[in-house]
Amino acid sequence: MAIFGKEALAESLVGLLDGAAQRGDGVIRQWSLRPERRKDWSYPEISQASYRLGSFLSQHDIQPNDRVIIWGPNSPE
């Protein structure tokens, strides 16, 4: 895997997720002390979740380079 600078990584994160989703690269295991919160995420699931978040932000007039804070309890989700 190539090493990217901070700017290149930010510009290519969607591309990296999409590429992993298309290749069917394994799963990411979400671990929690509480068994009911453990989950395996496939790369296609992660890719789709990132698109849903981007769509949500876009629908609320959040533009590229806007600053956003996401506030919630400390959790793997």
PDB file of N, CA and C in Angstrom:
ATOM      1  N   MET A   1       0.851  -1.181   0.000  1.00  0.00           N
ATOM      2  CA  MET A   1       0.000   0.000   0.000  1.00  0.00           C
ATOM      3  C   MET A   1       0.888   1.233   0.000  1.00  0.00           C
ATOM      4  N   ALA A   2       0.531   2.179  -0.828  1.00  0.00           N
ATOM      5  CA  ALA A   2       1.284   3.423  -0.915  1.00  0.00           C
ATOM      6  C   ALA A   2       1.035   4.270   0.322  1.00  0.00           C
ATOM      7  N   ILE A   3       2.008   5.072   0.657  1.00  0.00           N
ATOM      8  CA  ILE A   3       1.861   6.008   1.773  1.00  0.00           C
ATOM      9  C   ILE A   3       1.458   7.349   1.185  1.00  0.00           C
ATOM     10  N   PHE A   4       0.361   7.899   1.669  1.00  0.00           N
ATOM     11  CA  PHE A   4      -0.161   9.158   1.161  1.00  0.00           C
ATOM     12  C   PHE A   4       0.074  10.257   2.167  1.00  0.00           C
ATOM     13  N   GLY A   5       0.256  11.471   1.662  1.00  0.00           N
ATOM     14  CA  GLY A   5       0.271  12.649   2.515  1.00  0.00           C
ATOM     15  C   GLY A   5      -1.140  12.913   2.993  1.00  0.00           C
ATOM     16  N   LYS A   6      -1.281  13.785   3.966  1.00  0.00           N
ATOM     17  CA  LYS A   6      -2.593  14.082   4.551  1.00  0.00           C
ATOM     18  C   LYS A   6      -3.592  14.536   3.489  1.00  0.00           C
ATOM     19  N   GLU A   7      -3.202  15.434   2.590  1.00  0.00           N
ATOM     20  CA  GLU A   7      -4.124  15.938   1.571  1.00  0.00           C
ATOM     21  C   GLU A   7      -4.508  14.849   0.574  1.00  0.00           C
ATOM     22  N   ALA A   8      -3.538  14.058   0.127  1.00  0.00           N
ATOM     23  CA  ALA A   8      -3.829  12.995  -0.846  1.00  0.00           C
ATOM     24  C   ALA A   8      -4.761  11.955  -0.238  1.00  0.00           C
ATOM     25  N   LEU A   9      -4.560  11.625   1.022  1.00  0.00           N
ATOM     26  CA  LEU A   9      -5.423  10.642   1.675  1.00  0.00           C
ATOM     27  C   LEU A   9      -6.845  11.169   1.779  1.00  0.00           C
ATOM     28  N   ALA A  10      -7.006  12.439   2.151  1.00  0.00           N
ATOM     29  CA  ALA A  10      -8.343  13.021   2.270  1.00  0.00           C
ATOM     30  C   ALA A  10      -9.051  13.016   0.920  1.00  0.00           C
ATOM     31  N   GLU A  11      -8.320  13.279  -0.155  1.00  0.00           N
ATOM     32  CA  GLU A  11      -8.924  13.305  -1.485  1.00  0.00           C
ATOM     33  C   GLU A  11      -9.239  11.924  -2.016  1.00  0.00           C
ATOM     34  N   SER A  12      -8.583  10.902  -1.501  1.00  0.00           N
ATOM     35  CA  SER A  12      -8.740   9.568  -2.071  1.00  0.00           C
ATOM     36  C   SER A  12      -9.426   8.577  -1.138  1.00  0.00           C
ATOM     37  N   LEU A  13      -9.911   9.011   0.002  1.00  0.00           N
ATOM     38  CA  LEU A  13     -10.521   8.091   0.955  1.00  0.00           C
ATOM     39  C   LEU A  13     -11.720   7.359   0.352  1.00  0.00           C
ATOM     40  N   VAL A  14     -12.574   8.096  -0.361  1.00  0.00           N
ATOM     41  CA  VAL A  14     -13.720   7.458  -1.012  1.00  0.00           C
ATOM     42  C   VAL A  14     -13.224   6.463  -2.049  1.00  0.00           C
ATOM     43  N   GLY A  15     -12.205   6.830  -2.796  1.00  0.00           N
ATOM     44  CA  GLY A  15     -11.629   5.917  -3.788  1.00  0.00           C
ATOM     45  C   GLY A  15     -11.066   4.660  -3.144  1.00  0.00           C
ATOM     46  N   LEU A  16     -10.406   4.808  -2.003  1.00  0.00           N
ATOM     47  CA  LEU A  16      -9.871   3.640  -1.300  1.00  0.00           C
ATOM     48  C   LEU A  16     -10.988   2.724  -0.822  1.00  0.00           C
ATOM     49  N   LEU A  17     -12.044   3.299  -0.265  1.00  0.00           N
ATOM     50  CA  LEU A  17     -13.173   2.488   0.200  1.00  0.00           C
ATOM     51  C   LEU A  17     -13.873   1.801  -0.969  1.00  0.00           C
ATOM     52  N   ASP A  18     -14.085   2.540  -2.065  1.00  0.00           N
ATOM     53  CA  ASP A  18     -14.743   1.955  -3.229  1.00  0.00           C
ATOM     54  C   ASP A  18     -13.916   0.817  -3.822  1.00  0.00           C
ATOM     55  N   GLY A  19     -12.601   1.021  -3.895  1.00  0.00           N
ATOM     56  CA  GLY A  19     -11.726  -0.021  -4.434  1.00  0.00           C
ATOM     57  C   GLY A  19     -11.769  -1.280  -3.584  1.00  0.00           C
ATOM     58  N   ALA A  20     -11.719  -1.119  -2.274  1.00  0.00           N
ATOM     59  CA  ALA A  20     -11.789  -2.268  -1.369  1.00  0.00           C
ATOM     60  C   ALA A  20     -13.137  -2.958  -1.485  1.00  0.00           C
ATOM     61  N   ALA A  21     -14.201  -2.174  -1.655  1.00  0.00           N
ATOM     62  CA  ALA A  21     -15.546  -2.747  -1.793  1.00  0.00           C
ATOM     63  C   ALA A  21     -15.649  -3.555  -3.076  1.00  0.00           C
ATOM     64  N   GLN A  22     -15.105  -3.037  -4.170  1.00  0.00           N
ATOM     65  CA  GLN A  22     -15.172  -3.737  -5.452  1.00  0.00           C
ATOM     66  C   GLN A  22     -14.340  -5.018  -5.443  1.00  0.00           C
ATOM     67  N   ARG A  23     -13.201  -4.986  -4.753  1.00  0.00           N
ATOM     68  CA  ARG A  23     -12.356  -6.177  -4.671  1.00  0.00           C
ATOM     69  C   ARG A  23     -12.928  -7.215  -3.720  1.00  0.00           C
ATOM     70  N   GLY A  24     -13.822  -6.779  -2.831  1.00  0.00           N
ATOM     71  CA  GLY A  24     -14.376  -7.696  -1.841  1.00  0.00           C
ATOM     72  C   GLY A  24     -13.391  -8.004  -0.725  1.00  0.00           C
ATOM     73  N   ASP A  25     -12.508  -7.050  -0.438  1.00  0.00           N
ATOM     74  CA  ASP A  25     -11.523  -7.236   0.629  1.00  0.00           C
ATOM     75  C   ASP A  25     -12.211  -7.545   1.945  1.00  0.00           C
ATOM     76  N   GLY A  26     -11.942  -8.672   2.538  1.00  0.00           N
ATOM     77  CA  GLY A  26     -12.333  -9.095   3.870  1.00  0.00           C
ATOM     78  C   GLY A  26     -13.353  -8.273   4.625  1.00  0.00           C
ATOM     79  N   VAL A  27     -13.249  -8.313   5.919  1.00  0.00           N
ATOM     80  CA  VAL A  27     -14.160  -7.593   6.796  1.00  0.00           C
ATOM     81  C   VAL A  27     -13.363  -6.859   7.860  1.00  0.00           C
ATOM     82  N   ILE A  28     -14.004  -5.889   8.450  1.00  0.00           N
ATOM     83  CA  ILE A  28     -13.440  -5.172   9.596  1.00  0.00           C
ATOM     84  C   ILE A  28     -14.271  -5.579  10.792  1.00  0.00           C
ATOM     85  N   ARG A  29     -13.635  -6.065  11.816  1.00  0.00           N
ATOM     86  CA  ARG A  29     -14.347  -6.502  13.004  1.00  0.00           C
ATOM     87  C   ARG A  29     -14.451  -5.352  13.988  1.00  0.00           C
ATOM     88  N   GLN A  30     -15.664  -5.019  14.348  1.00  0.00           N
ATOM     89  CA  GLN A  30     -15.927  -4.005  15.371  1.00  0.00           C
ATOM     90  C   GLN A  30     -16.022  -4.751  16.691  1.00  0.00           C
ATOM     91  N   TRP A  31     -15.159  -4.428  17.611  1.00  0.00           N
ATOM     92  CA  TRP A  31     -15.133  -5.150  18.870  1.00  0.00           C
ATOM     93  C   TRP A  31     -15.664  -4.262  19.983  1.00  0.00           C
ATOM     94  N   SER A  32     -16.375  -4.877  20.894  1.00  0.00           N
ATOM     95  CA  SER A  32     -16.919  -4.152  22.039  1.00  0.00           C
ATOM     96  C   SER A  32     -16.922  -5.091  23.234  1.00  0.00           C
ATOM     97  N   LEU A  33     -16.845  -4.531  24.423  1.00  0.00           N
ATOM     98  CA  LEU A  33     -16.971  -5.345  25.626  1.00  0.00           C
ATOM     99  C   LEU A  33     -18.362  -5.961  25.726  1.00  0.00           C
ATOM    100  N   ARG A  34     -19.332  -5.297  25.115  1.00  0.00           N
ATOM    101  CA  ARG A  34     -20.705  -5.806  25.131  1.00  0.00           C
ATOM    102  C   ARG A  34     -20.947  -6.625  23.866  1.00  0.00           C
ATOM    103  N   PRO A  35     -21.141  -7.932  23.977  1.00  0.00           N
ATOM    104  CA  PRO A  35     -21.276  -8.789  22.793  1.00  0.00           C
ATOM    105  C   PRO A  35     -22.363  -8.342  21.827  1.00  0.00           C
ATOM    106  N   GLU A  36     -23.456  -7.771  22.325  1.00  0.00           N
ATOM    107  CA  GLU A  36     -24.542  -7.357  21.430  1.00  0.00           C
ATOM    108  C   GLU A  36     -24.137  -6.190  20.524  1.00  0.00           C
ATOM    109  N   ARG A  37     -23.011  -5.537  20.824  1.00  0.00           N
ATOM    110  CA  ARG A  37     -22.556  -4.411  20.010  1.00  0.00           C
ATOM    111  C   ARG A  37     -21.438  -4.804  19.050  1.00  0.00           C
ATOM    112  N   ARG A  38     -21.046  -6.073  19.055  1.00  0.00           N
ATOM    113  CA  ARG A  38     -20.004  -6.521  18.140  1.00  0.00           C
ATOM    114  C   ARG A  38     -20.600  -6.719  16.752  1.00  0.00           C
ATOM    115  N   LYS A  39     -19.832  -6.356  15.743  1.00  0.00           N
ATOM    116  CA  LYS A  39     -20.332  -6.464  14.373  1.00  0.00           C
ATOM    117  C   LYS A  39     -19.160  -6.587  13.412  1.00  0.00           C
ATOM    118  N   ASP A  40     -19.349  -7.364  12.377  1.00  0.00           N
ATOM    119  CA  ASP A  40     -18.395  -7.413  11.276  1.00  0.00           C
ATOM    120  C   ASP A  40     -18.923  -6.518  10.163  1.00  0.00           C
ATOM    121  N   TRP A  41     -18.087  -5.628   9.671  1.00  0.00           N
ATOM    122  CA  TRP A  41     -18.460  -4.721   8.584  1.00  0.00           C
ATOM    123  C   TRP A  41     -17.704  -5.155   7.331  1.00  0.00           C
ATOM    124  N   SER A  42     -18.400  -5.324   6.227  1.00  0.00           N
ATOM    125  CA  SER A  42     -17.729  -5.567   4.956  1.00  0.00           C
ATOM    126  C   SER A  42     -17.357  -4.210   4.360  1.00  0.00           C
ATOM    127  N   TYR A  43     -16.402  -4.194   3.451  1.00  0.00           N
ATOM    128  CA  TYR A  43     -16.042  -2.932   2.814  1.00  0.00           C
ATOM    129  C   TYR A  43     -17.199  -2.332   2.022  1.00  0.00           C
ATOM    130  N   PRO A  44     -18.030  -3.141   1.333  1.00  0.00           N
ATOM    131  CA  PRO A  44     -19.198  -2.529   0.687  1.00  0.00           C
ATOM    132  C   PRO A  44     -20.126  -1.842   1.697  1.00  0.00           C
ATOM    133  N   GLU A  45     -20.305  -2.415   2.887  1.00  0.00           N
ATOM    134  CA  GLU A  45     -21.140  -1.776   3.915  1.00  0.00           C
ATOM    135  C   GLU A  45     -20.533  -0.448   4.369  1.00  0.00           C
ATOM    136  N   ILE A  46     -19.218  -0.425   4.551  1.00  0.00           N
ATOM    137  CA  ILE A  46     -18.549   0.802   4.979  1.00  0.00           C
ATOM    138  C   ILE A  46     -18.647   1.856   3.879  1.00  0.00           C
ATOM    139  N   SER A  47     -18.460   1.432   2.639  1.00  0.00           N
ATOM    140  CA  SER A  47     -18.574   2.353   1.508  1.00  0.00           C
ATOM    141  C   SER A  47     -19.971   2.951   1.438  1.00  0.00           C
ATOM    142  N   GLN A  48     -20.998   2.118   1.558  1.00  0.00           N
ATOM    143  CA  GLN A  48     -22.374   2.611   1.521  1.00  0.00           C
ATOM    144  C   GLN A  48     -22.666   3.550   2.686  1.00  0.00           C
ATOM    145  N   ALA A  49     -22.154   3.230   3.874  1.00  0.00           N
ATOM    146  CA  ALA A  49     -22.360   4.104   5.036  1.00  0.00           C
ATOM    147  C   ALA A  49     -21.711   5.471   4.803  1.00  0.00           C
ATOM    148  N   SER A  50     -20.538   5.487   4.165  1.00  0.00           N
ATOM    149  CA  SER A  50     -19.879   6.773   3.900  1.00  0.00           C
ATOM    150  C   SER A  50     -20.681   7.594   2.899  1.00  0.00           C
ATOM    151  N   TYR A  51     -21.276   6.930   1.893  1.00  0.00           N
ATOM    152  CA  TYR A  51     -22.120   7.657   0.935  1.00  0.00           C
ATOM    153  C   TYR A  51     -23.393   8.183   1.604  1.00  0.00           C
ATOM    154  N   ARG A  52     -23.975   7.403   2.517  1.00  0.00           N
ATOM    155  CA  ARG A  52     -25.175   7.870   3.230  1.00  0.00           C
ATOM    156  C   ARG A  52     -24.849   9.106   4.067  1.00  0.00           C
ATOM    157  N   LEU A  53     -23.701   9.088   4.744  1.00  0.00           N
ATOM    158  CA  LEU A  53     -23.303  10.252   5.539  1.00  0.00           C
ATOM    159  C   LEU A  53     -23.077  11.459   4.638  1.00  0.00           C
ATOM    160  N   GLY A  54     -22.382  11.269   3.524  1.00  0.00           N
ATOM    161  CA  GLY A  54     -22.156  12.368   2.591  1.00  0.00           C
ATOM    162  C   GLY A  54     -23.453  12.927   2.053  1.00  0.00           C
ATOM    163  N   SER A  55     -24.404  12.055   1.746  1.00  0.00           N
ATOM    164  CA  SER A  55     -25.715  12.492   1.256  1.00  0.00           C
ATOM    165  C   SER A  55     -26.456  13.293   2.325  1.00  0.00           C
ATOM    166  N   PHE A  56     -26.417  12.802   3.559  1.00  0.00           N
ATOM    167  CA  PHE A  56     -27.062  13.506   4.670  1.00  0.00           C
ATOM    168  C   PHE A  56     -26.477  14.907   4.828  1.00  0.00           C
ATOM    169  N   LEU A  57     -25.154  15.009   4.802  1.00  0.00           N
ATOM    170  CA  LEU A  57     -24.511  16.318   4.963  1.00  0.00           C
ATOM    171  C   LEU A  57     -24.879  17.251   3.805  1.00  0.00           C
ATOM    172  N   SER A  58     -24.885  16.706   2.596  1.00  0.00           N
ATOM    173  CA  SER A  58     -25.238  17.495   1.425  1.00  0.00           C
ATOM    174  C   SER A  58     -26.678  18.004   1.505  1.00  0.00           C
ATOM    175  N   GLN A  59     -27.590  17.175   1.960  1.00  0.00           N
ATOM    176  CA  GLN A  59     -28.996  17.565   2.088  1.00  0.00           C
ATOM    177  C   GLN A  59     -29.190  18.673   3.115  1.00  0.00           C
ATOM    178  N   HIS A  60     -28.236  18.818   4.026  1.00  0.00           N
ATOM    179  CA  HIS A  60     -28.321  19.860   5.052  1.00  0.00           C
ATOM    180  C   HIS A  60     -27.394  21.034   4.730  1.00  0.00           C
ATOM    181  N   ASP A  61     -27.134  21.214   3.439  1.00  0.00           N
ATOM    182  CA  ASP A  61     -26.350  22.347   2.928  1.00  0.00           C
ATOM    183  C   ASP A  61     -24.927  22.425   3.474  1.00  0.00           C
ATOM    184  N   ILE A  62     -24.348  21.296   3.831  1.00  0.00           N
ATOM    185  CA  ILE A  62     -22.941  21.266   4.218  1.00  0.00           C
ATOM    186  C   ILE A  62     -22.133  21.152   2.930  1.00  0.00           C
ATOM    187  N   GLN A  63     -21.207  22.083   2.731  1.00  0.00           N
ATOM    188  CA  GLN A  63     -20.415  22.145   1.505  1.00  0.00           C
ATOM    189  C   GLN A  63     -18.986  21.674   1.774  1.00  0.00           C
ATOM    190  N   PRO A  64     -18.268  21.271   0.709  1.00  0.00           N
ATOM    191  CA  PRO A  64     -16.851  20.920   0.892  1.00  0.00           C
ATOM    192  C   PRO A  64     -16.112  22.048   1.603  1.00  0.00           C
ATOM    193  N   ASN A  65     -15.244  21.687   2.500  1.00  0.00           N
ATOM    194  CA  ASN A  65     -14.426  22.595   3.315  1.00  0.00           C
ATOM    195  C   ASN A  65     -15.189  23.255   4.452  1.00  0.00           C
ATOM    196  N   ASP A  66     -16.496  22.992   4.604  1.00  0.00           N
ATOM    197  CA  ASP A  66     -17.200  23.441   5.803  1.00  0.00           C
ATOM    198  C   ASP A  66     -16.676  22.626   6.987  1.00  0.00           C
ATOM    199  N   ARG A  67     -16.759  23.192   8.147  1.00  0.00           N
ATOM    200  CA  ARG A  67     -16.352  22.479   9.358  1.00  0.00           C
ATOM    201  C   ARG A  67     -17.578  21.863  10.000  1.00  0.00           C
ATOM    202  N   VAL A  68     -17.440  20.606  10.401  1.00  0.00           N
ATOM    203  CA  VAL A  68     -18.561  19.859  10.967  1.00  0.00           C
ATOM    204  C   VAL A  68     -18.074  19.166  12.235  1.00  0.00           C
ATOM    205  N   ILE A  69     -18.901  19.189  13.251  1.00  0.00           N
ATOM    206  CA  ILE A  69     -18.605  18.423  14.457  1.00  0.00           C
ATOM    207  C   ILE A  69     -19.657  17.333  14.577  1.00  0.00           C
ATOM    208  N   ILE A  70     -19.219  16.145  14.880  1.00  0.00           N
ATOM    209  CA  ILE A  70     -20.141  15.040  15.107  1.00  0.00           C
ATOM    210  C   ILE A  70     -20.055  14.697  16.586  1.00  0.00           C
ATOM    211  N   TRP A  71     -21.152  14.841  17.273  1.00  0.00           N
ATOM    212  CA  TRP A  71     -21.203  14.697  18.723  1.00  0.00           C
ATOM    213  C   TRP A  71     -22.017  13.474  19.080  1.00  0.00           C
ATOM    214  N   GLY A  72     -21.473  12.611  19.887  1.00  0.00           N
ATOM    215  CA  GLY A  72     -22.217  11.425  20.319  1.00  0.00           C
ATOM    216  C   GLY A  72     -21.429  10.704  21.394  1.00  0.00           C
ATOM    217  N   PRO A  73     -22.019   9.657  21.935  1.00  0.00           N
ATOM    218  CA  PRO A  73     -21.320   8.900  22.969  1.00  0.00           C
ATOM    219  C   PRO A  73     -20.108   8.182  22.374  1.00  0.00           C
ATOM    220  N   ASN A  74     -19.130   7.928  23.208  1.00  0.00           N
ATOM    221  CA  ASN A  74     -17.946   7.202  22.784  1.00  0.00           C
ATOM    222  C   ASN A  74     -18.350   5.775  22.450  1.00  0.00           C
ATOM    223  N   SER A  75     -18.251   5.405  21.161  1.00  0.00           N
ATOM    224  CA  SER A  75     -18.661   4.069  20.740  1.00  0.00           C
ATOM    225  C   SER A  75     -17.974   3.721  19.435  1.00  0.00           C
ATOM    226  N   PRO A  76     -17.877   2.449  19.098  1.00  0.00           N
ATOM    227  CA  PRO A  76     -17.271   2.061  17.828  1.00  0.00           C
ATOM    228  C   PRO A  76     -18.077   2.544  16.628  1.00  0.00           C
ATOM    229  N   GLU A  77     -19.378   2.698  16.779  1.00  0.00           N
ATOM    230  CA  GLU A  77     -20.190   3.124  15.662  1.00  0.00           C
ATOM    231  C   GLU A  77     -19.780   4.512  15.225  1.00  0.00           C
TER     232      GLU A  77
END
